[in-house]
Amino acid sequence: MFRFAETFASFMSDVSKCEKGEDVGTTILQIEADFTGADGGDFDKKACLDHVLRKRVSAVVSAADGPPVRECHLRAALQLSVGLARAERCSPTTPIVLLADSFDALPLDGAQALFAFVEENVATWKEETFFNACKNNLLRMCNDLLRRLSRSQNTVFCGRILLFLAKFFPLSERSGLNVISEFNLDNLTAFGDGGDELADAEDADDGEAAAPPQPQVSSGPPLDYNLYRKFWALQDFFRNPNQCYSKVPWKAFNAYTTDVLAAFSGFRLDESSGSHSSQLGSEESQQYFAKYLTSQKLLQLQLSDAMFRRYVLVQFLILFQYLTSQVKFKSETQSLSEAQQAWVRDTQQAVYRLMAETPPQGQLFADTIRSILKREENWNAWKNDGCPAFKPPAAEETPPEPAAGRPAPRRRPKRKVGDVLRHAEAKKKFLMGHPELTRLWNVCPDNMEACKTSKRDFLPPLDTFFDEAITQMDPATMVEDQYKVINNGDYGWRALRLLARRSPHFFAAAQKIPNSLPDYLDTILKKVANDIPKFSGGNGAGDASLTAADETVADGAAEAEELRAEEAPEEAAPARRVHRLTEPLAGQLAARLGADWKRLASRLGFQSDEVDYFVSEQPTAEAQAAMMFRQWMDNEREEATQEELLYALEAVKLDTAVRELFDPEVRGETDAPADS
């Protein structure tokens, strides 16, 4: 502990000298000398120096010095920490930790002044020493600053932070991308429900003071509440475009868009109309609209504002592009029909036409928006490809230009093809026309030897492949059935292939057919485990394994003989003739059943929607029943017999009316001769 305190004091003295005006390089040399001479490991000394720097920065921030002196001392400490991190005398994250501590303690004015140090050293933070270690800390520090700032009052400082993040992170950094196409669903637009207008009308009737007169707009029809509601309801579709893929919201969006664009067409603007038309051409005018006002009294003036109209039309174009684009994270149901796509294309052209008619320089503005959206398609395709890293194109190698007064270097003459082939033949090599193909072919020039090599035997031994599965079968391991590897379909498929190549148990007849692949593997692996010395407790002799395999084959043969003996009487029994249901018989049955065919349909396995389909397709009950019989014969084929049909009729108590139509042998009245 005493040695640690001594090292801490020496480090603190060196840091204080740097703040008092000593050169940073000289201070780093002094700290390195103290670092080397101090006792302890490098990790402990690094931790000590990190603590010294944090404690010193905390003291500078809390001191009563003025802002210029405080900023000067902080910059010196930060520069020192950067140099020590490069020299591997402190942690690479220490400079960012010091910045985060300073920003947490400083007021907004001091933080804004200190942030210049972060911007000036953007190249430093992108160095290999700092980038991977500090990028998350830097991002967290900037986000904490943004949460403290007001987007309306500290707009410049917010912009500086965002510009720094854009310079620091590469363009393909996924943390700054909306990869999965999420929308800001919290951006709600509230507008009136018509109550204000009713209240204004009642006040006017009572003789109270009327509202100040509205400015008159010369062009356009009067606007009612219905159009006002449709106009602002479109903001909900702009906020969440995915609801346009549903049937009911799409109809509402279609109707609202048609009415709003018709209103835009009725409110045509010229160069002299609109309260802001003269300002749009001025480069000095800066307009900022955080959120538009949604009062119904302002809608007519807003539609006459060229800037407002352009904002709304651009929203339409962005929405149309999303609806028709191929986005990786869209579900299969999120697609438009042909009719919907045709409507989107027509409406898109109408929006571009309205945008070109909006002064000033409407056509130029429309062409600019079209170009921007075209570039967005490339951005969308890049995100669909998984956001691959951007790499500059490889520059073509060009020979260096000769210095002045020197002759150009002579090029080496190209070797003849014959010389190249003779040289390769002397070394017993084959040239395949490509360096990689040549290398692969000459790994083993003899194809037969390459096929016989033991390296081509990719089958694993049984004890290695089934080690985990057999171990999990032991109750002592307490592995639940759902977590066993034999329940993995991929593992089961490879296990069957391996058993077919290396285990005689695969060909042994089983007394009971397993219900599933895991059940089969569970049964056969118990036999395989007896052949593996590790699980059977044997000595691993090869003769024992062969004996066990021979016994298994013999047992399988005996089981097969027993099964054939049991099945022999059944095979010797004469086969009964199959009575198929024919079209004429089906027609007679349909005529007899009449409207009762629906009771039989459920017994034959037809669902209610299929019964409704038969009813809708045929006019009479007889035709409906005949159609049902035809469908049953097509579906069942081998099972569509008179015996099965009579059994179904007996179940629904309809056999008495139609029994006489079946063959006598089916009815059980005569014994027909067997038909081989």
Foldseek 3Di string as FASTA:
>chain_A
DVLLVVLLVQLLVLLVVLLVPDDLVVSLVSNVVSLVPGDDDLVSQQVSNLVSLLVVLVCLLPDPDDLVSSLSSLLSSLVNVLVCLVVVSYQLQSSLVSLLVNVVRDPPVSNLVNCVVVQVCLVSCLDPSHVVPCVVSLVVSLVVVVVVDDCVPPVVSNVVSVVSNPSNDAPLPPVPDPLLDDFDLVPDDDADDPPVVVVLVVCVVVVHDHDPDDDDDDFFDDDDVVLLVLVRVVVNCLRPVQVCLDDVVVVSNVVSLVVNLVRLVRQFADCPWAPCSVVVPDPVDDDDDPDDDSYPSCPVNLSRHLVSLVVVLLSLVVSLCVLDADAQNDDPSSHDDPVVNVVSVVSNVSSLVSQLRRDDNSPVVSVVSVVVVVVVNVVRVCSNVVSDHDDDDDDDDDDDDDDPPDDDDDDDDDDDPVVVVVVCVVVPFDDPPDVVVSVVCVVPVDPVVVVPDPVPPPQDDPCVLCVQQVVVVDVVVVDDPVPHPQVDPVSLVSVLVNCVVPALLNVQDDPDDDPDSSVVCSVVVVLVLCLDCVRVVDPNDPVVSVVSRVVRNVVSVVSVVVVCVVCVVVVPDFDADFAADDLVLQLVVLVQCFQVLVLLLVLLPDDPVVLVVLCVPDPGSSSSSSVSLVVSCVVPVVPRTPLVSLVSCVVSVNCVRRVVSDDCVSVVNDDDDGDD
